[in-house]
């Protein structure tokens, strides 16, 4: 069992950057999940502690994935979108986060 992670308030707000409002994230909300965009260096323990402290909810599980940036062209010039990490956070039964309102 890992020890609990302690975060400063500033680091907690830095970890939870923005909610992902997509069709797949909306389907996850039926299963009491919320999807957030987080920094690449954030760990699952830090994400869990940040969501619990910022929103005041109980987190049961955190799944993460690294989304690699696409290569795109604009007027013949090659560019690349930046990489980012997504975190699918499962909440305890009866808990919810309203992502349409601000924090």
PDB file of N, CA and C in Angstrom:
ATOM      1  N   UNK A   1       0.850  -1.182   0.000  1.00  0.00           N
ATOM      2  CA  UNK A   1       0.000   0.000   0.000  1.00  0.00           C
ATOM      3  C   UNK A   1       0.887   1.232   0.000  1.00  0.00           C
ATOM      4  N   UNK A   2       0.599   2.178  -0.865  1.00  0.00           N
ATOM      5  CA  UNK A   2       1.394   3.396  -0.941  1.00  0.00           C
ATOM      6  C   UNK A   2       0.918   4.399   0.098  1.00  0.00           C
ATOM      7  N   UNK A   3       1.843   5.263   0.507  1.00  0.00           N
ATOM      8  CA  UNK A   3       1.484   6.272   1.504  1.00  0.00           C
ATOM      9  C   UNK A   3       0.711   7.401   0.847  1.00  0.00           C
ATOM     10  N   UNK A   4      -0.158   8.092   1.586  1.00  0.00           N
ATOM     11  CA  UNK A   4      -0.960   9.174   1.000  1.00  0.00           C
ATOM     12  C   UNK A   4      -0.080  10.334   0.559  1.00  0.00           C
ATOM     13  N   UNK A   5      -0.480  10.975  -0.514  1.00  0.00           N
ATOM     14  CA  UNK A   5       0.264  12.097  -1.086  1.00  0.00           C
ATOM     15  C   UNK A   5      -0.288  13.394  -0.529  1.00  0.00           C
ATOM     16  N   UNK A   6       0.615  14.294  -0.107  1.00  0.00           N
ATOM     17  CA  UNK A   6       0.189  15.614   0.356  1.00  0.00           C
ATOM     18  C   UNK A   6       0.620  16.639  -0.681  1.00  0.00           C
ATOM     19  N   UNK A   7      -0.295  17.537  -1.013  1.00  0.00           N
ATOM     20  CA  UNK A   7      -0.049  18.561  -2.024  1.00  0.00           C
ATOM     21  C   UNK A   7      -0.362  19.932  -1.465  1.00  0.00           C
ATOM     22  N   UNK A   8       0.363  20.931  -1.973  1.00  0.00           N
ATOM     23  CA  UNK A   8      -0.006  22.304  -1.646  1.00  0.00           C
ATOM     24  C   UNK A   8      -1.237  22.681  -2.475  1.00  0.00           C
ATOM     25  N   UNK A   9      -1.938  23.707  -2.058  1.00  0.00           N
ATOM     26  CA  UNK A   9      -3.144  24.136  -2.765  1.00  0.00           C
ATOM     27  C   UNK A   9      -2.799  24.579  -4.191  1.00  0.00           C
ATOM     28  N   UNK A  10      -1.653  25.237  -4.357  1.00  0.00           N
ATOM     29  CA  UNK A  10      -1.248  25.700  -5.688  1.00  0.00           C
ATOM     30  C   UNK A  10      -0.956  24.527  -6.614  1.00  0.00           C
ATOM     31  N   UNK A  11      -0.272  23.494  -6.096  1.00  0.00           N
ATOM     32  CA  UNK A  11       0.040  22.321  -6.920  1.00  0.00           C
ATOM     33  C   UNK A  11      -1.243  21.561  -7.273  1.00  0.00           C
ATOM     34  N   UNK A  12      -2.203  21.506  -6.364  1.00  0.00           N
ATOM     35  CA  UNK A  12      -3.472  20.824  -6.641  1.00  0.00           C
ATOM     36  C   UNK A  12      -4.216  21.509  -7.787  1.00  0.00           C
ATOM     37  N   UNK A  13      -4.246  22.831  -7.783  1.00  0.00           N
ATOM     38  CA  UNK A  13      -4.909  23.558  -8.869  1.00  0.00           C
ATOM     39  C   UNK A  13      -4.109  23.469 -10.164  1.00  0.00           C
ATOM     40  N   UNK A  14      -2.780  23.302 -10.059  1.00  0.00           N
ATOM     41  CA  UNK A  14      -1.951  23.137 -11.253  1.00  0.00           C
ATOM     42  C   UNK A  14      -2.174  21.774 -11.897  1.00  0.00           C
ATOM     43  N   UNK A  15      -2.438  20.757 -11.090  1.00  0.00           N
ATOM     44  CA  UNK A  15      -2.636  19.394 -11.620  1.00  0.00           C
ATOM     45  C   UNK A  15      -3.964  19.294 -12.357  1.00  0.00           C
ATOM     46  N   UNK A  16      -5.034  19.800 -11.762  1.00  0.00           N
ATOM     47  CA  UNK A  16      -6.353  19.731 -12.403  1.00  0.00           C
ATOM     48  C   UNK A  16      -6.474  20.926 -13.340  1.00  0.00           C
ATOM     49  N   UNK A  17      -6.022  20.766 -14.575  1.00  0.00           N
ATOM     50  CA  UNK A  17      -5.975  21.901 -15.504  1.00  0.00           C
ATOM     51  C   UNK A  17      -7.344  22.231 -16.077  1.00  0.00           C
ATOM     52  N   UNK A  18      -8.009  21.248 -16.683  1.00  0.00           N
ATOM     53  CA  UNK A  18      -9.313  21.521 -17.273  1.00  0.00           C
ATOM     54  C   UNK A  18     -10.054  20.208 -17.474  1.00  0.00           C
ATOM     55  N   UNK A  19     -11.374  20.252 -17.434  1.00  0.00           N
ATOM     56  CA  UNK A  19     -12.137  19.039 -17.739  1.00  0.00           C
ATOM     57  C   UNK A  19     -12.167  18.814 -19.249  1.00  0.00           C
ATOM     58  N   UNK A  20     -12.234  17.558 -19.658  1.00  0.00           N
ATOM     59  CA  UNK A  20     -12.348  17.207 -21.074  1.00  0.00           C
ATOM     60  C   UNK A  20     -13.827  16.972 -21.356  1.00  0.00           C
ATOM     61  N   UNK A  21     -14.426  17.826 -22.174  1.00  0.00           N
ATOM     62  CA  UNK A  21     -15.841  17.696 -22.522  1.00  0.00           C
ATOM     63  C   UNK A  21     -15.906  17.104 -23.925  1.00  0.00           C
ATOM     64  N   UNK A  22     -15.937  15.793 -24.004  1.00  0.00           N
ATOM     65  CA  UNK A  22     -16.033  15.098 -25.282  1.00  0.00           C
ATOM     66  C   UNK A  22     -17.172  14.097 -25.197  1.00  0.00           C
ATOM     67  N   UNK A  23     -17.476  13.481 -26.320  1.00  0.00           N
ATOM     68  CA  UNK A  23     -18.534  12.483 -26.335  1.00  0.00           C
ATOM     69  C   UNK A  23     -18.176  11.293 -25.448  1.00  0.00           C
ATOM     70  N   UNK A  24     -16.916  10.861 -25.515  1.00  0.00           N
ATOM     71  CA  UNK A  24     -16.474   9.718 -24.711  1.00  0.00           C
ATOM     72  C   UNK A  24     -16.465  10.064 -23.218  1.00  0.00           C
ATOM     73  N   UNK A  25     -16.055  11.276 -22.874  1.00  0.00           N
ATOM     74  CA  UNK A  25     -16.064  11.696 -21.473  1.00  0.00           C
ATOM     75  C   UNK A  25     -17.485  11.786 -20.936  1.00  0.00           C
ATOM     76  N   UNK A  26     -18.422  12.195 -21.782  1.00  0.00           N
ATOM     77  CA  UNK A  26     -19.825  12.266 -21.373  1.00  0.00           C
ATOM     78  C   UNK A  26     -20.376  10.871 -21.121  1.00  0.00           C
ATOM     79  N   UNK A  27     -19.976   9.897 -21.936  1.00  0.00           N
ATOM     80  CA  UNK A  27     -20.397   8.512 -21.698  1.00  0.00           C
ATOM     81  C   UNK A  27     -19.825   7.990 -20.385  1.00  0.00           C
ATOM     82  N   UNK A  28     -18.617   8.412 -20.026  1.00  0.00           N
ATOM     83  CA  UNK A  28     -18.019   8.005 -18.759  1.00  0.00           C
ATOM     84  C   UNK A  28     -18.755   8.559 -17.560  1.00  0.00           C
ATOM     85  N   UNK A  29     -19.440   9.694 -17.726  1.00  0.00           N
ATOM     86  CA  UNK A  29     -20.171  10.281 -16.605  1.00  0.00           C
ATOM     87  C   UNK A  29     -21.347   9.416 -16.179  1.00  0.00           C
ATOM     88  N   UNK A  30     -21.818   8.532 -17.063  1.00  0.00           N
ATOM     89  CA  UNK A  30     -22.875   7.590 -16.679  1.00  0.00           C
ATOM     90  C   UNK A  30     -22.362   6.576 -15.662  1.00  0.00           C
ATOM     91  N   UNK A  31     -21.039   6.349 -15.666  1.00  0.00           N
ATOM     92  CA  UNK A  31     -20.415   5.400 -14.739  1.00  0.00           C
ATOM     93  C   UNK A  31     -19.685   6.122 -13.613  1.00  0.00           C
ATOM     94  N   UNK A  32     -20.110   7.361 -13.323  1.00  0.00           N
ATOM     95  CA  UNK A  32     -19.553   8.156 -12.228  1.00  0.00           C
ATOM     96  C   UNK A  32     -18.075   8.469 -12.451  1.00  0.00           C
ATOM     97  N   UNK A  33     -17.695   8.789 -13.696  1.00  0.00           N
ATOM     98  CA  UNK A  33     -16.324   9.155 -14.029  1.00  0.00           C
ATOM     99  C   UNK A  33     -16.280  10.577 -14.567  1.00  0.00           C
ATOM    100  N   UNK A  34     -15.170  11.255 -14.295  1.00  0.00           N
ATOM    101  CA  UNK A  34     -14.925  12.592 -14.813  1.00  0.00           C
ATOM    102  C   UNK A  34     -13.531  12.572 -15.443  1.00  0.00           C
ATOM    103  N   UNK A  35     -13.374  13.218 -16.594  1.00  0.00           N
ATOM    104  CA  UNK A  35     -12.095  13.227 -17.298  1.00  0.00           C
ATOM    105  C   UNK A  35     -11.480  14.618 -17.218  1.00  0.00           C
ATOM    106  N   UNK A  36     -10.181  14.676 -16.865  1.00  0.00           N
ATOM    107  CA  UNK A  36      -9.454  15.935 -16.738  1.00  0.00           C
ATOM    108  C   UNK A  36      -8.195  15.889 -17.586  1.00  0.00           C
ATOM    109  N   UNK A  37      -7.735  17.077 -18.001  1.00  0.00           N
ATOM    110  CA  UNK A  37      -6.426  17.216 -18.628  1.00  0.00           C
ATOM    111  C   UNK A  37      -5.455  17.572 -17.517  1.00  0.00           C
ATOM    112  N   UNK A  38      -4.348  16.831 -17.424  1.00  0.00           N
ATOM    113  CA  UNK A  38      -3.389  17.006 -16.334  1.00  0.00           C
ATOM    114  C   UNK A  38      -1.978  17.135 -16.917  1.00  0.00           C
ATOM    115  N   UNK A  39      -0.985  17.608 -16.134  1.00  0.00           N
ATOM    116  CA  UNK A  39       0.379  17.703 -16.643  1.00  0.00           C
ATOM    117  C   UNK A  39       0.983  16.321 -16.911  1.00  0.00           C
ATOM    118  N   UNK A  40       1.993  16.290 -17.769  1.00  0.00           N
ATOM    119  CA  UNK A  40       2.635  15.020 -18.122  1.00  0.00           C
ATOM    120  C   UNK A  40       3.348  14.386 -16.933  1.00  0.00           C
ATOM    121  N   UNK A  41       3.819  15.197 -15.977  1.00  0.00           N
ATOM    122  CA  UNK A  41       4.582  14.646 -14.856  1.00  0.00           C
ATOM    123  C   UNK A  41       3.718  14.294 -13.644  1.00  0.00           C
ATOM    124  N   UNK A  42       2.396  14.432 -13.737  1.00  0.00           N
ATOM    125  CA  UNK A  42       1.500  14.133 -12.611  1.00  0.00           C
ATOM    126  C   UNK A  42       1.332  12.623 -12.462  1.00  0.00           C
ATOM    127  N   UNK A  43       1.400  12.139 -11.228  1.00  0.00           N
ATOM    128  CA  UNK A  43       1.203  10.722 -10.949  1.00  0.00           C
ATOM    129  C   UNK A  43      -0.246  10.474 -10.541  1.00  0.00           C
ATOM    130  N   UNK A  44      -0.641   9.195 -10.511  1.00  0.00           N
ATOM    131  CA  UNK A  44      -2.019   8.859 -10.141  1.00  0.00           C
ATOM    132  C   UNK A  44      -2.328   9.290  -8.709  1.00  0.00           C
ATOM    133  N   UNK A  45      -1.372   9.124  -7.808  1.00  0.00           N
ATOM    134  CA  UNK A  45      -1.576   9.541  -6.421  1.00  0.00           C
ATOM    135  C   UNK A  45      -1.765  11.044  -6.293  1.00  0.00           C
ATOM    136  N   UNK A  46      -0.972  11.809  -7.039  1.00  0.00           N
ATOM    137  CA  UNK A  46      -1.117  13.265  -7.013  1.00  0.00           C
ATOM    138  C   UNK A  46      -2.461  13.691  -7.595  1.00  0.00           C
ATOM    139  N   UNK A  47      -2.886  13.032  -8.675  1.00  0.00           N
ATOM    140  CA  UNK A  47      -4.170  13.370  -9.300  1.00  0.00           C
ATOM    141  C   UNK A  47      -5.313  13.094  -8.337  1.00  0.00           C
ATOM    142  N   UNK A  48      -5.254  11.950  -7.660  1.00  0.00           N
ATOM    143  CA  UNK A  48      -6.300  11.594  -6.691  1.00  0.00           C
ATOM    144  C   UNK A  48      -6.367  12.621  -5.566  1.00  0.00           C
ATOM    145  N   UNK A  49      -5.196  12.982  -5.006  1.00  0.00           N
ATOM    146  CA  UNK A  49      -5.166  13.953  -3.917  1.00  0.00           C
ATOM    147  C   UNK A  49      -5.644  15.325  -4.378  1.00  0.00           C
ATOM    148  N   UNK A  50      -5.297  15.725  -5.605  1.00  0.00           N
ATOM    149  CA  UNK A  50      -5.693  17.032  -6.115  1.00  0.00           C
ATOM    150  C   UNK A  50      -7.200  17.115  -6.326  1.00  0.00           C
ATOM    151  N   UNK A  51      -7.795  16.086  -6.921  1.00  0.00           N
ATOM    152  CA  UNK A  51      -9.240  16.100  -7.168  1.00  0.00           C
ATOM    153  C   UNK A  51     -10.002  16.077  -5.847  1.00  0.00           C
ATOM    154  N   UNK A  52      -9.530  15.286  -4.885  1.00  0.00           N
ATOM    155  CA  UNK A  52     -10.205  15.230  -3.588  1.00  0.00           C
ATOM    156  C   UNK A  52     -10.127  16.566  -2.855  1.00  0.00           C
ATOM    157  N   UNK A  53      -8.984  17.260  -2.940  1.00  0.00           N
ATOM    158  CA  UNK A  53      -8.861  18.525  -2.208  1.00  0.00           C
ATOM    159  C   UNK A  53      -9.568  19.675  -2.923  1.00  0.00           C
ATOM    160  N   UNK A  54      -9.508  19.724  -4.251  1.00  0.00           N
ATOM    161  CA  UNK A  54     -10.117  20.843  -4.987  1.00  0.00           C
ATOM    162  C   UNK A  54     -11.635  20.748  -4.991  1.00  0.00           C
ATOM    163  N   UNK A  55     -12.174  19.550  -5.248  1.00  0.00           N
ATOM    164  CA  UNK A  55     -13.621  19.402  -5.393  1.00  0.00           C
ATOM    165  C   UNK A  55     -14.309  18.852  -4.148  1.00  0.00           C
ATOM    166  N   UNK A  56     -13.568  18.347  -3.172  1.00  0.00           N
ATOM    167  CA  UNK A  56     -14.160  17.823  -1.950  1.00  0.00           C
ATOM    168  C   UNK A  56     -14.973  16.558  -2.161  1.00  0.00           C
ATOM    169  N   UNK A  57     -14.477  15.637  -2.998  1.00  0.00           N
ATOM    170  CA  UNK A  57     -15.161  14.374  -3.280  1.00  0.00           C
ATOM    171  C   UNK A  57     -14.238  13.211  -2.934  1.00  0.00           C
ATOM    172  N   UNK A  58     -14.784  12.009  -2.896  1.00  0.00           N
ATOM    173  CA  UNK A  58     -14.011  10.796  -2.626  1.00  0.00           C
ATOM    174  C   UNK A  58     -13.725  10.095  -3.951  1.00  0.00           C
ATOM    175  N   UNK A  59     -12.448   9.878  -4.256  1.00  0.00           N
ATOM    176  CA  UNK A  59     -12.016   9.239  -5.504  1.00  0.00           C
ATOM    177  C   UNK A  59     -11.722   7.774  -5.224  1.00  0.00           C
ATOM    178  N   UNK A  60     -12.268   6.875  -6.056  1.00  0.00           N
ATOM    179  CA  UNK A  60     -12.015   5.441  -5.885  1.00  0.00           C
ATOM    180  C   UNK A  60     -10.908   4.941  -6.794  1.00  0.00           C
ATOM    181  N   UNK A  61     -10.757   5.501  -8.000  1.00  0.00           N
ATOM    182  CA  UNK A  61      -9.728   5.023  -8.932  1.00  0.00           C
ATOM    183  C   UNK A  61      -9.349   6.148  -9.888  1.00  0.00           C
ATOM    184  N   UNK A  62      -8.107   6.067 -10.390  1.00  0.00           N
ATOM    185  CA  UNK A  62      -7.615   7.010 -11.386  1.00  0.00           C
ATOM    186  C   UNK A  62      -6.956   6.217 -12.508  1.00  0.00           C
ATOM    187  N   UNK A  63      -7.427   6.415 -13.729  1.00  0.00           N
ATOM    188  CA  UNK A  63      -6.799   5.827 -14.912  1.00  0.00           C
ATOM    189  C   UNK A  63      -6.226   6.967 -15.734  1.00  0.00           C
ATOM    190  N   UNK A  64      -4.994   6.792 -16.224  1.00  0.00           N
ATOM    191  CA  UNK A  64      -4.359   7.845 -17.003  1.00  0.00           C
ATOM    192  C   UNK A  64      -3.932   7.314 -18.361  1.00  0.00           C
ATOM    193  N   UNK A  65      -3.812   8.249 -19.306  1.00  0.00           N
ATOM    194  CA  UNK A  65      -3.237   7.911 -20.598  1.00  0.00           C
ATOM    195  C   UNK A  65      -2.527   9.130 -21.144  1.00  0.00           C
ATOM    196  N   UNK A  66      -1.477   8.854 -21.908  1.00  0.00           N
ATOM    197  CA  UNK A  66      -0.705   9.912 -22.552  1.00  0.00           C
ATOM    198  C   UNK A  66      -1.201  10.080 -23.960  1.00  0.00           C
ATOM    199  N   UNK A  67      -1.654  11.280 -24.284  1.00  0.00           N
ATOM    200  CA  UNK A  67      -2.139  11.586 -25.623  1.00  0.00           C
ATOM    201  C   UNK A  67      -1.008  12.280 -26.372  1.00  0.00           C
ATOM    202  N   UNK A  68      -0.472  11.618 -27.395  1.00  0.00           N
ATOM    203  CA  UNK A  68       0.610  12.193 -28.164  1.00  0.00           C
ATOM    204  C   UNK A  68       0.052  13.186 -29.175  1.00  0.00           C
ATOM    205  N   UNK A  69       0.763  14.293 -29.385  1.00  0.00           N
ATOM    206  CA  UNK A  69       0.312  15.347 -30.274  1.00  0.00           C
ATOM    207  C   UNK A  69       0.362  14.932 -31.730  1.00  0.00           C
ATOM    208  N   UNK A  70      -0.624  15.392 -32.478  1.00  0.00           N
ATOM    209  CA  UNK A  70      -0.686  15.085 -33.906  1.00  0.00           C
ATOM    210  C   UNK A  70       0.250  15.997 -34.686  1.00  0.00           C
ATOM    211  N   UNK A  71       0.748  15.500 -35.801  1.00  0.00           N
ATOM    212  CA  UNK A  71       1.464  16.339 -36.751  1.00  0.00           C
ATOM    213  C   UNK A  71       0.431  16.945 -37.692  1.00  0.00           C
ATOM    214  N   UNK A  72       0.449  18.251 -37.815  1.00  0.00           N
ATOM    215  CA  UNK A  72      -0.521  18.953 -38.637  1.00  0.00           C
ATOM    216  C   UNK A  72       0.208  19.866 -39.621  1.00  0.00           C
ATOM    217  N   UNK A  73      -0.458  20.139 -40.739  1.00  0.00           N
ATOM    218  CA  UNK A  73       0.069  21.072 -41.729  1.00  0.00           C
ATOM    219  C   UNK A  73      -0.864  22.270 -41.826  1.00  0.00           C
ATOM    220  N   UNK A  74      -0.261  23.440 -41.946  1.00  0.00           N
ATOM    221  CA  UNK A  74      -1.018  24.660 -42.152  1.00  0.00           C
ATOM    222  C   UNK A  74      -0.311  25.479 -43.222  1.00  0.00           C
ATOM    223  N   UNK A  75      -0.956  25.633 -44.357  1.00  0.00           N
ATOM    224  CA  UNK A  75      -0.394  26.341 -45.505  1.00  0.00           C
ATOM    225  C   UNK A  75       0.984  25.800 -45.889  1.00  0.00           C
ATOM    226  N   UNK A  76       1.132  24.501 -45.847  1.00  0.00           N
ATOM    227  CA  UNK A  76       2.371  23.867 -46.260  1.00  0.00           C
ATOM    228  C   UNK A  76       3.431  23.762 -45.185  1.00  0.00           C
ATOM    229  N   UNK A  77       3.226  24.402 -44.047  1.00  0.00           N
ATOM    230  CA  UNK A  77       4.211  24.349 -42.970  1.00  0.00           C
ATOM    231  C   UNK A  77       3.849  23.225 -42.010  1.00  0.00           C
ATOM    232  N   UNK A  78       4.827  22.416 -41.664  1.00  0.00           N
ATOM    233  CA  UNK A  78       4.607  21.297 -40.762  1.00  0.00           C
ATOM    234  C   UNK A  78       4.647  21.790 -39.322  1.00  0.00           C
ATOM    235  N   UNK A  79       3.685  21.370 -38.544  1.00  0.00           N
ATOM    236  CA  UNK A  79       3.635  21.720 -37.138  1.00  0.00           C
ATOM    237  C   UNK A  79       3.236  20.508 -36.320  1.00  0.00           C
ATOM    238  N   UNK A  80       3.302  20.630 -34.993  1.00  0.00           N
ATOM    239  CA  UNK A  80       2.953  19.512 -34.115  1.00  0.00           C
ATOM    240  C   UNK A  80       2.219  20.052 -32.903  1.00  0.00           C
ATOM    241  N   UNK A  81       1.099  19.418 -32.578  1.00  0.00           N
ATOM    242  CA  UNK A  81       0.400  19.756 -31.348  1.00  0.00           C
ATOM    243  C   UNK A  81       1.179  19.175 -30.172  1.00  0.00           C
ATOM    244  N   UNK A  82       1.051  19.781 -29.020  1.00  0.00           N
ATOM    245  CA  UNK A  82       1.802  19.316 -27.861  1.00  0.00           C
ATOM    246  C   UNK A  82       1.159  18.070 -27.253  1.00  0.00           C
ATOM    247  N   UNK A  83       1.987  17.238 -26.619  1.00  0.00           N
ATOM    248  CA  UNK A  83       1.506  16.056 -25.916  1.00  0.00           C
ATOM    249  C   UNK A  83       0.823  16.488 -24.624  1.00  0.00           C
ATOM    250  N   UNK A  84      -0.130  15.674 -24.147  1.00  0.00           N
ATOM    251  CA  UNK A  84      -0.750  15.942 -22.858  1.00  0.00           C
ATOM    252  C   UNK A  84      -1.217  14.626 -22.253  1.00  0.00           C
ATOM    253  N   UNK A  85      -1.594  14.682 -21.005  1.00  0.00           N
ATOM    254  CA  UNK A  85      -2.055  13.502 -20.279  1.00  0.00           C
ATOM    255  C   UNK A  85      -3.504  13.697 -19.886  1.00  0.00           C
ATOM    256  N   UNK A  86      -4.301  12.628 -20.028  1.00  0.00           N
ATOM    257  CA  UNK A  86      -5.696  12.644 -19.601  1.00  0.00           C
ATOM    258  C   UNK A  86      -5.828  11.732 -18.383  1.00  0.00           C
ATOM    259  N   UNK A  87      -6.680  12.110 -17.462  1.00  0.00           N
ATOM    260  CA  UNK A  87      -6.947  11.313 -16.277  1.00  0.00           C
ATOM    261  C   UNK A  87      -8.444  11.078 -16.175  1.00  0.00           C
ATOM    262  N   UNK A  88      -8.842   9.801 -16.191  1.00  0.00           N
ATOM    263  CA  UNK A  88     -10.232   9.435 -15.977  1.00  0.00           C
ATOM    264  C   UNK A  88     -10.385   9.081 -14.500  1.00  0.00           C
ATOM    265  N   UNK A  89     -11.114   9.903 -13.761  1.00  0.00           N
ATOM    266  CA  UNK A  89     -11.237   9.778 -12.314  1.00  0.00           C
ATOM    267  C   UNK A  89     -12.589   9.161 -11.994  1.00  0.00           C
ATOM    268  N   UNK A  90     -12.579   8.014 -11.298  1.00  0.00           N
ATOM    269  CA  UNK A  90     -13.814   7.369 -10.855  1.00  0.00           C
ATOM    270  C   UNK A  90     -14.143   7.858  -9.456  1.00  0.00           C
ATOM    271  N   UNK A  91     -15.361   8.308  -9.282  1.00  0.00           N
ATOM    272  CA  UNK A  91     -15.799   8.839  -7.997  1.00  0.00           C
ATOM    273  C   UNK A  91     -16.579   7.789  -7.214  1.00  0.00           C
ATOM    274  N   UNK A  92     -16.620   7.968  -5.892  1.00  0.00           N
ATOM    275  CA  UNK A  92     -17.366   7.057  -5.033  1.00  0.00           C
ATOM    276  C   UNK A  92     -18.855   7.199  -5.310  1.00  0.00           C
ATOM    277  N   UNK A  93     -19.603   6.194  -4.915  1.00  0.00           N
ATOM    278  CA  UNK A  93     -21.053   6.178  -5.127  1.00  0.00           C
ATOM    279  C   UNK A  93     -21.689   7.372  -4.428  1.00  0.00           C
ATOM    280  N   UNK A  94     -22.536   8.108  -5.155  1.00  0.00           N
ATOM    281  CA  UNK A  94     -23.218   9.268  -4.593  1.00  0.00           C
ATOM    282  C   UNK A  94     -22.452  10.571  -4.731  1.00  0.00           C
ATOM    283  N   UNK A  95     -21.203  10.534  -5.170  1.00  0.00           N
ATOM    284  CA  UNK A  95     -20.394  11.735  -5.347  1.00  0.00           C
ATOM    285  C   UNK A  95     -20.536  12.224  -6.789  1.00  0.00           C
ATOM    286  N   UNK A  96     -20.401  13.516  -7.018  1.00  0.00           N
ATOM    287  CA  UNK A  96     -20.455  14.050  -8.380  1.00  0.00           C
ATOM    288  C   UNK A  96     -19.694  15.362  -8.437  1.00  0.00           C
ATOM    289  N   UNK A  97     -19.239  15.699  -9.647  1.00  0.00           N
ATOM    290  CA  UNK A  97     -18.562  16.963  -9.915  1.00  0.00           C
ATOM    291  C   UNK A  97     -19.288  17.601 -11.092  1.00  0.00           C
ATOM    292  N   UNK A  98     -19.697  18.856 -10.946  1.00  0.00           N
ATOM    293  CA  UNK A  98     -20.321  19.579 -12.038  1.00  0.00           C
ATOM    294  C   UNK A  98     -19.233  20.330 -12.787  1.00  0.00           C
ATOM    295  N   UNK A  99     -18.818  19.812 -13.940  1.00  0.00           N
ATOM    296  CA  UNK A  99     -17.701  20.402 -14.679  1.00  0.00           C
ATOM    297  C   UNK A  99     -18.140  21.600 -15.508  1.00  0.00           C
ATOM    298  N   UNK A 100     -19.432  21.871 -15.603  1.00  0.00           N
ATOM    299  CA  UNK A 100     -19.890  23.015 -16.401  1.00  0.00           C
ATOM    300  C   UNK A 100     -19.736  24.335 -15.653  1.00  0.00           C
ATOM    301  N   UNK A 101     -19.567  24.281 -14.338  1.00  0.00           N
ATOM    302  CA  UNK A 101     -19.379  25.505 -13.549  1.00  0.00           C
ATOM    303  C   UNK A 101     -17.903  25.643 -13.211  1.00  0.00           C
ATOM    304  N   UNK A 102     -17.470  26.853 -12.877  1.00  0.00           N
ATOM    305  CA  UNK A 102     -16.088  27.108 -12.514  1.00  0.00           C
ATOM    306  C   UNK A 102     -15.785  26.636 -11.107  1.00  0.00           C
ATOM    307  N   UNK A 103     -14.497  26.552 -10.807  1.00  0.00           N
ATOM    308  CA  UNK A 103     -14.067  26.110  -9.465  1.00  0.00           C
ATOM    309  C   UNK A 103     -14.045  27.289  -8.539  1.00  0.00           C
TER     310      UNK A 103
END
